[in-house]
Amino acid sequence: MKIATSIIAALFLAASATAVMPDDPLKIDTCTKPGVVALTFDDGPGAYNDQLLALLAKKNVKATFFLLGSMIAENAQQAASLKKILAGNHQLASHTYSHGNLDAMTEEAQRLEISKTSDIMFQHSGVRPAYMRAPEGRCGAPCTKVMESLGLVVSHWNVDTNDWRFKALAPAAATEKSMEEINKVIIQDSNPATDSFILLEHEIHKFSVDLLAERVIDAVIAKGYKFVTMEECVGKPAYLTGSVVPPVVPPTTNTTVPVVPPTSSSVAPSAGVTTGAPQKTSSGPIVPSITTGNKGANSAGLVRAGAWAMGVAAAVGFAML
């Protein structure tokens, strides 16, 4: 009885240890080289984007902007921010379209969150981001698998200003509270010779742009770190390459909602369609090349018939020897 109890206890402890392990080691939360900090801003482009870009230019700091598709769609001024961000040599990245919980969505809905954002970012900037950050970091193993199938780098962080928690406070007080984790994790307890960070901040809170961003930048530089984009931090390209995949059903003229690009897991080929070698698309997924009509099917039939006839002839010849 004691042995059985000990075994059960050991199994329980093992299960508990497994439960607290990182969900997926492929979720990026640190840089590949020491001495650098990737400064990232979520939830934009917001009303203070021009002010933030001016600050970054003054400080000669490069950053990565994880943007919401819905924010880009809100008005022309916010949409114009994308080209300004690129002009400042900053990096554009995806924060989904609606800022919803990806883990609570179906795979189809997850893909739509990415494709809608990718399409609207491409429309206003000419690039499709290869880096994405899930709202609140909610992207478990199934979600991560979907993102990776789209060719995306799932981007997390290892130090947080927590500025969203303090937005109701007076600006000076909110700034002090937001600096607490920065001061503890980076300024006090890190070494540029061995450490690196992906730092999370938001551009939609006024105090973050007015006061916090400059405090963060000055403190991190004084510690001896260099600011980099996520591309420099991780070492993978910032943007996807390839051609645009046409939608399965062409959108009507009275709608602007993009259709999710077809993938092998969500869309079956139509009747009379044959598939060939996979091709990389601008939206990330690998999809088969497509030949339409009966011509391809008839040609395949002739090839099979010819091969059969040759086989029979060979067999008859062998028997006559």
Protein backbone atom coordinates (compact mmCIF):
# COMPACT_ATOMS: atom_id res chain seq x y z
CA MET A 1 0.00 0.00 0.00
CA LYS A 2 2.83 2.39 0.87
CA ILE A 3 4.58 1.54 -2.40
CA ALA A 4 1.41 2.26 -4.39
CA THR A 5 0.95 5.57 -2.59
CA SER A 6 4.54 6.54 -3.29
CA ILE A 7 4.12 5.73 -6.99
CA ILE A 8 0.94 7.84 -7.21
CA ALA A 9 2.67 10.74 -5.45
CA ALA A 10 5.64 10.52 -7.82
CA LEU A 11 3.35 10.53 -10.85
CA PHE A 12 1.48 13.54 -9.48
CA LEU A 13 4.73 15.45 -8.98
CA ALA A 14 5.89 14.56 -12.48
CA ALA A 15 2.60 15.76 -13.95
CA SER A 16 2.85 18.98 -11.97
CA ALA A 17 6.40 19.58 -13.19
CA THR A 18 5.29 19.01 -16.77
CA ALA A 19 2.44 21.47 -16.37
CA VAL A 20 4.73 24.38 -15.57
CA MET A 21 7.16 23.76 -18.41
CA PRO A 22 7.16 26.28 -21.29
CA ASP A 23 4.24 25.67 -23.64
CA ASP A 24 6.38 25.71 -26.77
CA PRO A 25 10.12 26.42 -27.03
CA LEU A 26 9.54 27.83 -30.51
CA LYS A 27 7.78 30.87 -29.03
CA ILE A 28 10.43 33.56 -29.21
CA ASP A 29 10.99 35.46 -25.94
CA THR A 30 14.67 36.38 -26.14
CA CYS A 31 17.22 37.37 -28.77
CA THR A 32 19.81 35.08 -30.32
CA LYS A 33 22.73 37.29 -29.24
CA PRO A 34 23.54 39.12 -26.01
CA GLY A 35 23.69 42.86 -25.44
CA VAL A 36 20.58 43.78 -27.43
CA VAL A 37 17.00 44.78 -26.59
CA ALA A 38 14.13 44.57 -29.07
CA LEU A 39 11.79 47.45 -28.18
CA THR A 40 8.26 46.50 -29.26
CA PHE A 41 5.01 48.45 -29.26
CA ASP A 42 1.60 46.74 -29.36
CA ASP A 43 -1.98 47.73 -30.31
CA GLY A 44 -1.21 50.49 -32.82
CA PRO A 45 -1.10 52.37 -34.99
CA GLY A 46 -2.51 54.87 -32.50
CA ALA A 47 -3.10 58.59 -32.21
CA TYR A 48 0.40 59.18 -30.78
CA ASN A 49 2.33 57.30 -33.46
CA ASP A 50 3.86 60.42 -35.06
CA GLN A 51 5.06 61.61 -31.66
CA LEU A 52 6.57 58.21 -30.90
CA LEU A 53 8.34 58.04 -34.26
CA ALA A 54 9.82 61.50 -33.63
CA LEU A 55 11.17 60.35 -30.27
CA LEU A 56 12.69 57.20 -31.75
CA ALA A 57 14.35 59.27 -34.48
CA LYS A 58 15.77 61.69 -31.91
CA LYS A 59 17.18 58.81 -29.87
CA ASN A 60 18.33 56.89 -32.98
CA VAL A 61 16.45 53.80 -31.77
CA LYS A 62 14.84 51.16 -33.97
CA ALA A 63 11.65 49.43 -32.81
CA THR A 64 9.09 46.86 -33.92
CA PHE A 65 5.39 47.73 -34.16
CA PHE A 66 2.89 44.90 -33.64
CA LEU A 67 -0.16 46.42 -35.31
CA LEU A 68 -3.86 45.59 -35.24
CA GLY A 69 -5.63 45.25 -38.57
CA SER A 70 -8.73 46.91 -37.10
CA MET A 71 -6.69 49.96 -36.04
CA ILE A 72 -5.33 50.35 -39.58
CA ALA A 73 -8.88 50.13 -40.94
CA GLU A 74 -10.23 52.82 -38.58
CA ASN A 75 -9.02 55.90 -40.44
CA ALA A 76 -6.66 57.10 -43.14
CA GLN A 77 -4.25 58.81 -40.72
CA GLN A 78 -3.58 55.56 -38.87
CA ALA A 79 -3.21 53.68 -42.14
CA ALA A 80 -0.63 56.27 -43.28
CA SER A 81 1.46 55.42 -40.22
CA LEU A 82 2.65 52.17 -41.81
CA LYS A 83 4.75 53.89 -44.47
CA LYS A 84 6.10 56.32 -41.85
CA ILE A 85 7.17 53.39 -39.68
CA LEU A 86 8.99 51.80 -42.60
CA ALA A 87 10.56 55.13 -43.55
CA GLY A 88 12.08 55.28 -40.06
CA ASN A 89 13.68 51.83 -40.63
CA HIS A 90 11.41 50.26 -38.02
CA GLN A 91 9.75 46.86 -38.43
CA LEU A 92 6.07 46.16 -39.05
CA ALA A 93 4.54 43.06 -37.40
CA SER A 94 1.08 41.57 -36.85
CA HIS A 95 -0.95 41.69 -33.65
CA THR A 96 -4.01 40.07 -35.34
CA TYR A 97 -7.07 41.93 -36.60
CA SER A 98 -9.48 42.11 -33.66
CA HIS A 99 -7.24 41.57 -30.58
CA GLY A 100 -9.29 38.50 -29.69
CA ASN A 101 -8.20 35.39 -27.80
CA LEU A 102 -6.68 33.13 -30.45
CA ASP A 103 -6.84 30.11 -28.17
CA ALA A 104 -10.65 30.42 -28.07
CA MET A 105 -10.93 30.48 -31.89
CA THR A 106 -11.19 27.77 -34.50
CA GLU A 107 -8.24 27.25 -36.81
CA GLU A 108 -10.20 28.92 -39.61
CA ALA A 109 -10.84 31.98 -37.43
CA GLN A 110 -7.16 32.14 -36.42
CA ARG A 111 -6.12 32.11 -40.07
CA LEU A 112 -8.65 34.84 -40.87
CA GLU A 113 -7.28 37.05 -38.09
CA ILE A 114 -3.85 36.79 -39.70
CA SER A 115 -4.87 37.01 -43.37
CA LYS A 116 -7.09 40.08 -42.86
CA THR A 117 -4.28 41.87 -41.06
CA SER A 118 -1.71 40.76 -43.62
CA ASP A 119 -3.89 41.97 -46.48
CA ILE A 120 -4.59 45.40 -45.03
CA MET A 121 -0.93 45.88 -44.06
CA PHE A 122 0.13 44.91 -47.57
CA GLN A 123 -2.40 47.35 -49.01
CA HIS A 124 -0.94 50.27 -47.04
CA SER A 125 2.76 49.34 -46.88
CA GLY A 126 3.57 46.83 -49.61
CA VAL A 127 4.84 44.21 -47.11
CA ARG A 128 3.37 41.22 -45.30
CA PRO A 129 4.75 40.69 -41.78
CA ALA A 130 6.51 37.45 -40.90
CA TYR A 131 6.35 38.16 -37.15
CA MET A 132 3.16 37.99 -35.09
CA ARG A 133 2.29 38.48 -31.45
CA ALA A 134 -0.86 36.97 -30.00
CA PRO A 135 -3.01 39.33 -27.92
CA GLU A 136 -2.09 38.80 -24.25
CA GLY A 137 0.34 36.14 -25.44
CA ARG A 138 -2.53 33.65 -25.76
CA CYS A 139 -1.29 31.17 -28.35
CA GLY A 140 -1.05 27.61 -27.07
CA ALA A 141 0.36 24.63 -28.94
CA PRO A 142 -2.49 24.31 -31.52
CA CYS A 143 -2.40 28.05 -32.23
CA THR A 144 1.40 28.02 -32.50
CA LYS A 145 1.18 25.18 -35.01
CA VAL A 146 -1.21 27.24 -37.16
CA MET A 147 1.03 30.31 -37.00
CA GLU A 148 4.09 28.28 -37.96
CA SER A 149 2.18 26.73 -40.89
CA LEU A 150 1.66 30.28 -42.12
CA GLY A 151 5.40 30.90 -41.95
CA LEU A 152 5.15 33.25 -38.96
CA VAL A 153 7.47 33.82 -36.01
CA VAL A 154 5.41 33.67 -32.79
CA SER A 155 6.85 36.58 -30.81
CA HIS A 156 6.62 36.78 -27.02
CA TRP A 157 8.60 38.90 -24.56
CA ASN A 158 10.67 38.53 -21.39
CA VAL A 159 10.27 42.00 -19.86
CA ASP A 160 7.09 44.08 -19.67
CA THR A 161 6.36 47.70 -18.83
CA ASN A 162 2.82 46.66 -17.83
CA ASP A 163 1.81 50.16 -18.91
CA TRP A 164 -1.77 49.09 -19.63
CA ARG A 165 -2.22 48.28 -15.94
CA PHE A 166 -1.45 51.86 -14.86
CA LYS A 167 -3.18 53.96 -17.53
CA ALA A 168 -5.76 55.22 -15.00
CA LEU A 169 -3.06 56.73 -12.76
CA ALA A 170 -1.59 60.22 -13.09
CA PRO A 171 1.06 60.20 -15.87
CA ALA A 172 4.07 60.56 -13.53
CA ALA A 173 2.81 57.85 -11.17
CA ALA A 174 1.99 55.53 -14.06
CA THR A 175 5.49 56.01 -15.45
CA GLU A 176 7.11 55.12 -12.13
CA LYS A 177 4.99 51.98 -11.80
CA SER A 178 5.77 50.94 -15.38
CA MET A 179 9.50 51.32 -14.77
CA GLU A 180 9.50 48.89 -11.83
CA GLU A 181 9.96 45.70 -13.86
CA ILE A 182 12.39 47.41 -16.25
CA ASN A 183 14.53 48.57 -13.32
CA LYS A 184 14.48 45.20 -11.61
CA VAL A 185 14.91 42.85 -14.57
CA ILE A 186 17.18 44.86 -16.86
CA ILE A 187 18.84 47.66 -14.89
CA GLN A 188 19.55 45.76 -11.65
CA ASP A 189 19.68 42.07 -12.50
CA SER A 190 21.09 41.74 -16.02
CA ASN A 191 24.44 41.73 -17.80
CA PRO A 192 24.76 42.95 -21.42
CA ALA A 193 27.60 40.48 -21.91
CA THR A 194 25.22 37.54 -21.49
CA ASP A 195 21.61 38.78 -21.58
CA SER A 196 19.13 40.06 -24.15
CA PHE A 197 15.51 41.18 -23.96
CA ILE A 198 12.30 41.58 -25.91
CA LEU A 199 10.60 44.52 -24.22
CA LEU A 200 6.83 45.05 -24.39
CA GLU A 201 5.19 48.48 -24.37
CA HIS A 202 2.01 49.99 -25.87
CA GLU A 203 1.75 53.02 -28.12
CA ILE A 204 -1.93 53.76 -27.44
CA HIS A 205 -1.47 55.07 -23.87
CA LYS A 206 -0.55 58.75 -23.82
CA PHE A 207 1.78 58.58 -20.81
CA SER A 208 3.66 55.72 -22.47
CA VAL A 209 4.60 57.98 -25.37
CA ASP A 210 4.84 61.26 -23.43
CA LEU A 211 7.02 59.99 -20.56
CA LEU A 212 7.65 56.27 -20.35
CA ALA A 213 9.25 55.52 -23.73
CA GLU A 214 12.09 58.00 -23.21
CA ARG A 215 12.69 56.79 -19.64
CA VAL A 216 12.94 53.21 -20.89
CA ILE A 217 15.26 54.09 -23.75
CA ASP A 218 17.64 56.16 -21.62
CA ALA A 219 17.84 53.55 -18.85
CA VAL A 220 18.47 50.63 -21.23
CA ILE A 221 21.16 52.49 -23.20
CA ALA A 222 22.85 53.60 -19.97
CA LYS A 223 23.00 49.95 -18.92
CA GLY A 224 25.00 49.16 -22.06
CA TYR A 225 22.41 47.57 -24.37
CA LYS A 226 21.76 48.31 -28.04
CA PHE A 227 18.20 48.57 -29.40
CA VAL A 228 17.36 46.36 -32.40
CA THR A 229 14.33 45.28 -34.40
CA MET A 230 12.81 41.81 -33.98
CA GLU A 231 14.43 40.79 -37.26
CA GLU A 232 17.87 41.66 -35.84
CA CYS A 233 16.97 40.10 -32.50
CA VAL A 234 15.81 36.75 -33.88
CA GLY A 235 17.71 36.56 -37.16
CA LYS A 236 14.75 35.66 -39.39
CA PRO A 237 13.41 37.90 -42.22
CA ALA A 238 10.88 40.54 -41.20
CA TYR A 239 8.56 40.00 -44.15
CA LEU A 240 7.12 37.15 -46.18
CA THR A 241 7.87 36.73 -49.86
CA GLY A 242 5.97 35.20 -52.74
CA SER A 243 2.83 35.78 -54.79
CA VAL A 244 -0.69 36.51 -53.62
CA VAL A 245 -2.99 33.47 -53.56
CA PRO A 246 -6.40 34.26 -55.13
CA PRO A 247 -9.44 33.69 -52.89
CA VAL A 248 -11.48 30.53 -53.36
CA VAL A 249 -14.59 32.64 -53.97
CA PRO A 250 -13.95 36.11 -55.45
CA PRO A 251 -15.20 38.81 -53.05
CA THR A 252 -18.22 40.81 -54.12
CA THR A 253 -17.82 44.46 -55.02
CA ASN A 254 -19.61 45.65 -51.89
CA THR A 255 -17.33 44.01 -49.34
CA THR A 256 -13.77 44.67 -48.28
CA VAL A 257 -13.33 41.63 -46.02
CA PRO A 258 -10.51 39.46 -47.43
CA VAL A 259 -11.03 35.73 -47.82
CA VAL A 260 -8.65 33.35 -46.05
CA PRO A 261 -6.07 32.01 -48.54
CA PRO A 262 -6.70 28.34 -49.36
CA THR A 263 -4.59 25.85 -47.45
CA SER A 264 -4.28 22.10 -47.63
CA SER A 265 -5.87 21.79 -44.19
CA SER A 266 -8.94 23.96 -44.80
CA VAL A 267 -9.84 23.90 -48.51
CA ALA A 268 -10.16 20.88 -50.76
CA PRO A 269 -9.45 21.23 -54.50
CA SER A 270 -12.51 21.73 -56.72
CA ALA A 271 -13.69 19.06 -59.14
CA GLY A 272 -11.43 18.81 -62.17
CA VAL A 273 -8.47 20.32 -60.29
CA THR A 274 -5.12 18.59 -59.92
CA THR A 275 -2.39 19.62 -57.55
CA GLY A 276 1.32 19.93 -58.20
CA ALA A 277 4.45 21.04 -56.36
CA PRO A 278 3.88 23.22 -53.30
CA GLN A 279 4.57 26.95 -53.61
CA LYS A 280 5.28 29.60 -50.96
CA THR A 281 2.69 32.37 -50.85
CA SER A 282 2.87 35.92 -49.55
CA SER A 283 0.43 35.06 -46.81
CA GLY A 284 2.67 32.31 -45.52
CA PRO A 285 0.91 28.98 -46.05
CA ILE A 286 2.21 26.40 -48.45
CA VAL A 287 -0.45 25.66 -51.07
CA PRO A 288 -0.35 23.38 -54.12
CA SER A 289 -0.05 24.80 -57.59
CA ILE A 290 -3.28 24.24 -59.48
CA THR A 291 -4.10 23.11 -63.02
CA THR A 292 -7.77 23.51 -63.90
CA GLY A 293 -10.08 21.95 -66.48
CA ASN A 294 -10.39 18.45 -68.02
CA LYS A 295 -7.25 18.75 -70.12
CA GLY A 296 -4.98 17.86 -67.24
CA ALA A 297 -7.16 14.92 -66.21
CA ASN A 298 -7.33 13.56 -69.78
CA SER A 299 -3.54 13.89 -70.19
CA ALA A 300 -3.00 12.00 -66.96
CA GLY A 301 -5.33 9.25 -68.22
CA LEU A 302 -3.43 8.94 -71.49
CA VAL A 303 -0.14 8.68 -69.65
CA ARG A 304 -1.50 5.94 -67.40
CA ALA A 305 -2.94 4.05 -70.44
CA GLY A 306 0.37 4.31 -72.31
CA ALA A 307 2.31 2.99 -69.35
CA TRP A 308 -0.11 0.03 -69.05
CA ALA A 309 0.21 -0.83 -72.74
CA MET A 310 3.99 -0.76 -72.57
CA GLY A 311 3.91 -3.06 -69.59
CA VAL A 312 1.71 -5.61 -71.40
CA ALA A 313 3.91 -5.54 -74.48
CA ALA A 314 7.00 -6.17 -72.38
CA ALA A 315 5.37 -9.13 -70.67
CA VAL A 316 4.30 -10.71 -73.97
CA GLY A 317 7.79 -10.26 -75.43
CA PHE A 318 9.35 -11.94 -72.40
CA ALA A 319 6.99 -14.94 -72.69
CA MET A 320 7.96 -15.47 -76.34
CA LEU A 321 11.68 -15.75 -75.58
